Amino acid sequence: MIEYSVVVTAPSGLHTRPCTQLCHFVKNYSGKIEIIKGDKSANLKSMFRVMSMGIKSGAEVIIRVEGDNEKEMAQSVVEFIRNIKD
């Protein structure tokens, strides 16, 4: 298991469009992947669960990955979140 912390810099946070894109990005990963904010966590493959967290711009989240190539997957997700522009 590996964890990385990242700050959401997108002005609108993880709203519908970037949340959908992020969930599709990790959909085919065979391992377990979660996003954690405070005391809430969600399977990153579940768009509705992630959206229900209400992650806004400036929020620090933790990406937790467990499985094959976990380090590479976690780094890819962190980069994806850092590059969300809308």
C-alpha atoms as a PDB file:
ATOM      1  CA  MET A   1       0.000   0.000   0.000  1.00  0.00           C
ATOM      2  CA  ILE A   2       1.207   3.490  -0.843  1.00  0.00           C
ATOM      3  CA  GLU A   3      -0.210   6.935  -0.071  1.00  0.00           C
ATOM      4  CA  TYR A   4       0.402  10.320  -1.629  1.00  0.00           C
ATOM      5  CA  SER A   5      -0.974  13.678  -0.565  1.00  0.00           C
ATOM      6  CA  VAL A   6      -2.067  16.252  -3.145  1.00  0.00           C
ATOM      7  CA  VAL A   7      -3.815  19.622  -3.009  1.00  0.00           C
ATOM      8  CA  VAL A   8      -6.700  20.108  -5.436  1.00  0.00           C
ATOM      9  CA  THR A   9      -5.855  23.286  -7.352  1.00  0.00           C
ATOM     10  CA  ALA A  10      -8.674  23.275  -9.900  1.00  0.00           C
ATOM     11  CA  PRO A  11     -10.746  26.437  -9.313  1.00  0.00           C
ATOM     12  CA  SER A  12     -13.993  24.450  -9.135  1.00  0.00           C
ATOM     13  CA  GLY A  13     -12.581  21.502  -7.200  1.00  0.00           C
ATOM     14  CA  LEU A  14     -13.580  17.969  -8.157  1.00  0.00           C
ATOM     15  CA  HIS A  15     -16.935  18.794  -9.706  1.00  0.00           C
ATOM     16  CA  THR A  16     -18.787  16.576 -12.196  1.00  0.00           C
ATOM     17  CA  ARG A  17     -16.549  16.746 -15.270  1.00  0.00           C
ATOM     18  CA  PRO A  18     -13.120  16.271 -13.650  1.00  0.00           C
ATOM     19  CA  CYS A  19     -14.529  13.716 -11.233  1.00  0.00           C
ATOM     20  CA  THR A  20     -15.907  11.698 -14.154  1.00  0.00           C
ATOM     21  CA  GLN A  21     -12.595  11.942 -16.010  1.00  0.00           C
ATOM     22  CA  LEU A  22     -10.647  10.893 -12.929  1.00  0.00           C
ATOM     23  CA  CYS A  23     -12.893   7.892 -12.285  1.00  0.00           C
ATOM     24  CA  HIS A  24     -12.585   6.787 -15.917  1.00  0.00           C
ATOM     25  CA  PHE A  25      -8.810   7.220 -15.678  1.00  0.00           C
ATOM     26  CA  VAL A  26      -8.551   4.694 -12.816  1.00  0.00           C
ATOM     27  CA  LYS A  27     -11.408   2.411 -13.897  1.00  0.00           C
ATOM     28  CA  ASN A  28      -9.227  -0.329 -15.392  1.00  0.00           C
ATOM     29  CA  TYR A  29      -6.755  -0.458 -12.514  1.00  0.00           C
ATOM     30  CA  SER A  30      -7.005  -3.922 -10.995  1.00  0.00           C
ATOM     31  CA  GLY A  31      -5.962  -2.910  -7.486  1.00  0.00           C
ATOM     32  CA  LYS A  32      -7.704  -0.936  -4.770  1.00  0.00           C
ATOM     33  CA  ILE A  33      -7.587   2.844  -5.069  1.00  0.00           C
ATOM     34  CA  GLU A  34      -9.138   5.350  -2.668  1.00  0.00           C
ATOM     35  CA  ILE A  35      -9.340   9.082  -2.195  1.00  0.00           C
ATOM     36  CA  ILE A  36      -9.369  10.351   1.388  1.00  0.00           C
ATOM     37  CA  LYS A  37     -10.309  13.800   2.696  1.00  0.00           C
ATOM     38  CA  GLY A  38     -10.392  14.237   6.440  1.00  0.00           C
ATOM     39  CA  ASP A  39     -12.434  11.398   7.890  1.00  0.00           C
ATOM     40  CA  LYS A  40     -14.166  10.571   4.582  1.00  0.00           C
ATOM     41  CA  SER A  41     -12.917   8.103   2.001  1.00  0.00           C
ATOM     42  CA  ALA A  42     -14.240   6.758  -1.275  1.00  0.00           C
ATOM     43  CA  ASN A  43     -13.348   4.188  -3.861  1.00  0.00           C
ATOM     44  CA  LEU A  44     -11.875   6.311  -6.659  1.00  0.00           C
ATOM     45  CA  LYS A  45     -13.631   4.115  -9.218  1.00  0.00           C
ATOM     46  CA  SER A  46     -17.043   5.295  -7.939  1.00  0.00           C
ATOM     47  CA  MET A  47     -17.889   8.696  -9.390  1.00  0.00           C
ATOM     48  CA  PHE A  48     -20.913   9.199  -7.136  1.00  0.00           C
ATOM     49  CA  ARG A  49     -18.983   8.388  -3.966  1.00  0.00           C
ATOM     50  CA  VAL A  50     -16.165  10.763  -4.923  1.00  0.00           C
ATOM     51  CA  MET A  51     -18.597  13.554  -5.847  1.00  0.00           C
ATOM     52  CA  SER A  52     -20.448  13.108  -2.553  1.00  0.00           C
ATOM     53  CA  MET A  53     -17.245  14.088  -0.738  1.00  0.00           C
ATOM     54  CA  GLY A  54     -17.582  17.681  -2.008  1.00  0.00           C
ATOM     55  CA  ILE A  55     -13.871  18.201  -2.629  1.00  0.00           C
ATOM     56  CA  LYS A  56     -13.257  21.895  -3.251  1.00  0.00           C
ATOM     57  CA  SER A  57     -10.299  23.850  -4.541  1.00  0.00           C
ATOM     58  CA  GLY A  58      -7.526  24.051  -1.961  1.00  0.00           C
ATOM     59  CA  ALA A  59      -8.522  20.795  -0.278  1.00  0.00           C
ATOM     60  CA  GLU A  60      -5.755  18.370   0.574  1.00  0.00           C
ATOM     61  CA  VAL A  61      -6.589  14.775  -0.294  1.00  0.00           C
ATOM     62  CA  ILE A  62      -4.731  11.520   0.083  1.00  0.00           C
ATOM     63  CA  ILE A  63      -4.571   8.985  -2.700  1.00  0.00           C
ATOM     64  CA  ARG A  64      -4.171   5.446  -1.336  1.00  0.00           C
ATOM     65  CA  VAL A  65      -3.318   2.656  -3.760  1.00  0.00           C
ATOM     66  CA  GLU A  66      -2.871  -1.043  -3.111  1.00  0.00           C
ATOM     67  CA  GLY A  67      -2.023  -3.552  -5.831  1.00  0.00           C
ATOM     68  CA  ASP A  68       0.161  -4.050  -8.867  1.00  0.00           C
ATOM     69  CA  ASN A  69       2.251  -1.045  -9.904  1.00  0.00           C
ATOM     70  CA  GLU A  70       0.800   0.923  -6.986  1.00  0.00           C
ATOM     71  CA  LYS A  71       3.557   3.532  -6.929  1.00  0.00           C
ATOM     72  CA  GLU A  72       3.178   4.334 -10.629  1.00  0.00           C
ATOM     73  CA  MET A  73      -0.613   4.422 -10.398  1.00  0.00           C
ATOM     74  CA  ALA A  74      -0.591   6.689  -7.348  1.00  0.00           C
ATOM     75  CA  GLN A  75       1.843   9.075  -9.039  1.00  0.00           C
ATOM     76  CA  SER A  76      -0.304   9.125 -12.181  1.00  0.00           C
ATOM     77  CA  VAL A  77      -3.436   9.975 -10.193  1.00  0.00           C
ATOM     78  CA  VAL A  78      -1.627  12.736  -8.282  1.00  0.00           C
ATOM     79  CA  GLU A  79      -0.425  14.235 -11.579  1.00  0.00           C
ATOM     80  CA  PHE A  80      -3.941  13.949 -13.010  1.00  0.00           C
ATOM     81  CA  ILE A  81      -5.378  15.872 -10.052  1.00  0.00           C
ATOM     82  CA  ARG A  82      -2.642  18.524 -10.257  1.00  0.00           C
ATOM     83  CA  ASN A  83      -3.398  19.083 -13.945  1.00  0.00           C
ATOM     84  CA  ILE A  84      -7.166  19.593 -13.673  1.00  0.00           C
ATOM     85  CA  LYS A  85      -7.801  23.104 -14.988  1.00  0.00           C
ATOM     86  CA  ASP A  86     -11.596  23.561 -14.921  1.00  0.00           C
END
